[in-house]
Amino acid sequence: MNFYTSIIAFLNANPMVMYLLTIWTVIWKGLALWKSAQRQEKIWFVVLLIVNTFGLLEILYLFVFSRYLKPAKEKKEEKEEKGTNLY
């Protein structure tokens, strides 16, 4: 029996695990998508929407990446300020 077959057999025997994983994923994905939309980070929004990592990427985004990266709105304002300070 290979690895994938054993996972499928486990999930068939324990459907509650799949329900809990789905709820876990939806909660973290929702929080991460909301935060990336608020920060106007389109690339992160699309990546978080498409990639499914059972909440791992979403948790990393919320607690690591979003704290150290400037929001797109701030980056845009900095570019505009640099463009107006020609003299």
C-alpha atoms as a PDB file:
ATOM      1  CA  MET A   1       0.000   0.000   0.000  1.00  0.00           C
ATOM      2  CA  ASN A   2       1.550   3.305  -0.983  1.00  0.00           C
ATOM      3  CA  PHE A   3       1.410   6.558   0.961  1.00  0.00           C
ATOM      4  CA  TYR A   4      -1.493   8.154  -0.922  1.00  0.00           C
ATOM      5  CA  THR A   5      -3.637   5.054  -0.715  1.00  0.00           C
ATOM      6  CA  SER A   6      -3.141   4.906   3.039  1.00  0.00           C
ATOM      7  CA  ILE A   7      -4.129   8.582   3.399  1.00  0.00           C
ATOM      8  CA  ILE A   8      -7.286   8.019   1.371  1.00  0.00           C
ATOM      9  CA  ALA A   9      -8.109   4.930   3.432  1.00  0.00           C
ATOM     10  CA  PHE A  10      -7.583   6.906   6.659  1.00  0.00           C
ATOM     11  CA  LEU A  11      -9.831   9.761   5.498  1.00  0.00           C
ATOM     12  CA  ASN A  12     -12.526   7.320   4.381  1.00  0.00           C
ATOM     13  CA  ALA A  13     -12.434   5.671   7.795  1.00  0.00           C
ATOM     14  CA  ASN A  14     -12.390   9.057   9.629  1.00  0.00           C
ATOM     15  CA  PRO A  15     -14.437  11.622   7.669  1.00  0.00           C
ATOM     16  CA  MET A  16     -14.494  14.006  10.631  1.00  0.00           C
ATOM     17  CA  VAL A  17     -10.772  14.694  10.089  1.00  0.00           C
ATOM     18  CA  MET A  18     -11.519  15.972   6.587  1.00  0.00           C
ATOM     19  CA  TYR A  19     -14.290  18.222   7.908  1.00  0.00           C
ATOM     20  CA  LEU A  20     -11.979  19.660  10.565  1.00  0.00           C
ATOM     21  CA  LEU A  21      -9.198  20.245   8.006  1.00  0.00           C
ATOM     22  CA  THR A  22     -11.672  22.020   5.730  1.00  0.00           C
ATOM     23  CA  ILE A  23     -12.905  24.299   8.528  1.00  0.00           C
ATOM     24  CA  TRP A  24      -9.298  24.980   9.626  1.00  0.00           C
ATOM     25  CA  THR A  25      -8.295  25.892   6.061  1.00  0.00           C
ATOM     26  CA  VAL A  26     -11.308  28.117   5.388  1.00  0.00           C
ATOM     27  CA  ILE A  27     -10.790  30.122   8.576  1.00  0.00           C
ATOM     28  CA  TRP A  28      -7.073  30.793   7.960  1.00  0.00           C
ATOM     29  CA  LYS A  29      -7.597  31.406   4.230  1.00  0.00           C
ATOM     30  CA  GLY A  30     -10.368  33.903   4.977  1.00  0.00           C
ATOM     31  CA  LEU A  31      -8.230  35.819   7.475  1.00  0.00           C
ATOM     32  CA  ALA A  32      -5.220  35.915   5.161  1.00  0.00           C
ATOM     33  CA  LEU A  33      -7.278  36.965   2.124  1.00  0.00           C
ATOM     34  CA  TRP A  34      -8.967  39.703   4.133  1.00  0.00           C
ATOM     35  CA  LYS A  35      -5.627  41.062   5.363  1.00  0.00           C
ATOM     36  CA  SER A  36      -4.016  40.955   1.912  1.00  0.00           C
ATOM     37  CA  ALA A  37      -7.025  42.762   0.441  1.00  0.00           C
ATOM     38  CA  GLN A  38      -6.867  45.430   3.159  1.00  0.00           C
ATOM     39  CA  ARG A  39      -3.169  45.934   2.441  1.00  0.00           C
ATOM     40  CA  GLN A  40      -3.872  46.031  -1.332  1.00  0.00           C
ATOM     41  CA  GLU A  41      -1.418  43.217  -2.034  1.00  0.00           C
ATOM     42  CA  LYS A  42      -2.833  41.737  -5.223  1.00  0.00           C
ATOM     43  CA  ILE A  43      -0.101  39.165  -5.775  1.00  0.00           C
ATOM     44  CA  TRP A  44      -0.441  37.760  -2.254  1.00  0.00           C
ATOM     45  CA  PHE A  45      -4.221  37.709  -2.634  1.00  0.00           C
ATOM     46  CA  VAL A  46      -4.046  35.617  -5.813  1.00  0.00           C
ATOM     47  CA  VAL A  47      -1.401  33.260  -4.396  1.00  0.00           C
ATOM     48  CA  LEU A  48      -3.377  32.725  -1.193  1.00  0.00           C
ATOM     49  CA  LEU A  49      -6.565  32.165  -3.177  1.00  0.00           C
ATOM     50  CA  ILE A  50      -5.069  29.555  -5.515  1.00  0.00           C
ATOM     51  CA  VAL A  51      -2.516  27.671  -3.401  1.00  0.00           C
ATOM     52  CA  ASN A  52      -3.907  25.266  -0.815  1.00  0.00           C
ATOM     53  CA  THR A  53      -1.482  24.366   1.975  1.00  0.00           C
ATOM     54  CA  PHE A  54      -4.034  23.555   4.691  1.00  0.00           C
ATOM     55  CA  GLY A  55      -3.482  26.920   6.337  1.00  0.00           C
ATOM     56  CA  LEU A  56       0.307  26.872   6.546  1.00  0.00           C
ATOM     57  CA  LEU A  57       1.001  29.559   3.938  1.00  0.00           C
ATOM     58  CA  GLU A  58      -1.868  31.634   5.315  1.00  0.00           C
ATOM     59  CA  ILE A  59      -0.469  31.474   8.860  1.00  0.00           C
ATOM     60  CA  LEU A  60       2.991  32.415   7.606  1.00  0.00           C
ATOM     61  CA  TYR A  61       1.537  35.342   5.668  1.00  0.00           C
ATOM     62  CA  LEU A  62      -0.415  36.621   8.678  1.00  0.00           C
ATOM     63  CA  PHE A  63       2.326  36.310  11.276  1.00  0.00           C
ATOM     64  CA  VAL A  64       5.549  36.688   9.276  1.00  0.00           C
ATOM     65  CA  PHE A  65       5.279  38.221   5.818  1.00  0.00           C
ATOM     66  CA  SER A  66       2.626  40.860   6.466  1.00  0.00           C
ATOM     67  CA  ARG A  67       4.535  42.180   9.482  1.00  0.00           C
ATOM     68  CA  TYR A  68       7.814  42.725   7.662  1.00  0.00           C
ATOM     69  CA  LEU A  69       6.558  43.858   4.255  1.00  0.00           C
ATOM     70  CA  LYS A  70       5.185  47.328   3.661  1.00  0.00           C
ATOM     71  CA  PRO A  71       1.641  47.437   2.278  1.00  0.00           C
ATOM     72  CA  ALA A  72       1.280  48.202  -1.421  1.00  0.00           C
ATOM     73  CA  LYS A  73      -0.432  51.478  -0.527  1.00  0.00           C
ATOM     74  CA  GLU A  74       2.636  52.704   1.397  1.00  0.00           C
ATOM     75  CA  LYS A  75       4.978  51.645  -1.405  1.00  0.00           C
ATOM     76  CA  LYS A  76       2.879  53.597  -3.916  1.00  0.00           C
ATOM     77  CA  GLU A  77       2.932  56.710  -1.701  1.00  0.00           C
ATOM     78  CA  GLU A  78       6.734  56.457  -1.320  1.00  0.00           C
ATOM     79  CA  LYS A  79       7.150  56.271  -5.106  1.00  0.00           C
ATOM     80  CA  GLU A  80       4.935  59.317  -5.550  1.00  0.00           C
ATOM     81  CA  GLU A  81       6.909  61.252  -2.928  1.00  0.00           C
ATOM     82  CA  LYS A  82      10.211  60.380  -4.588  1.00  0.00           C
ATOM     83  CA  GLY A  83       8.839  61.504  -7.937  1.00  0.00           C
ATOM     84  CA  THR A  84       7.795  64.929  -6.623  1.00  0.00           C
ATOM     85  CA  ASN A  85      11.119  65.676  -4.872  1.00  0.00           C
ATOM     86  CA  LEU A  86      13.098  66.419  -8.007  1.00  0.00           C
ATOM     87  CA  TYR A  87      14.642  69.650  -6.667  1.00  0.00           C
END
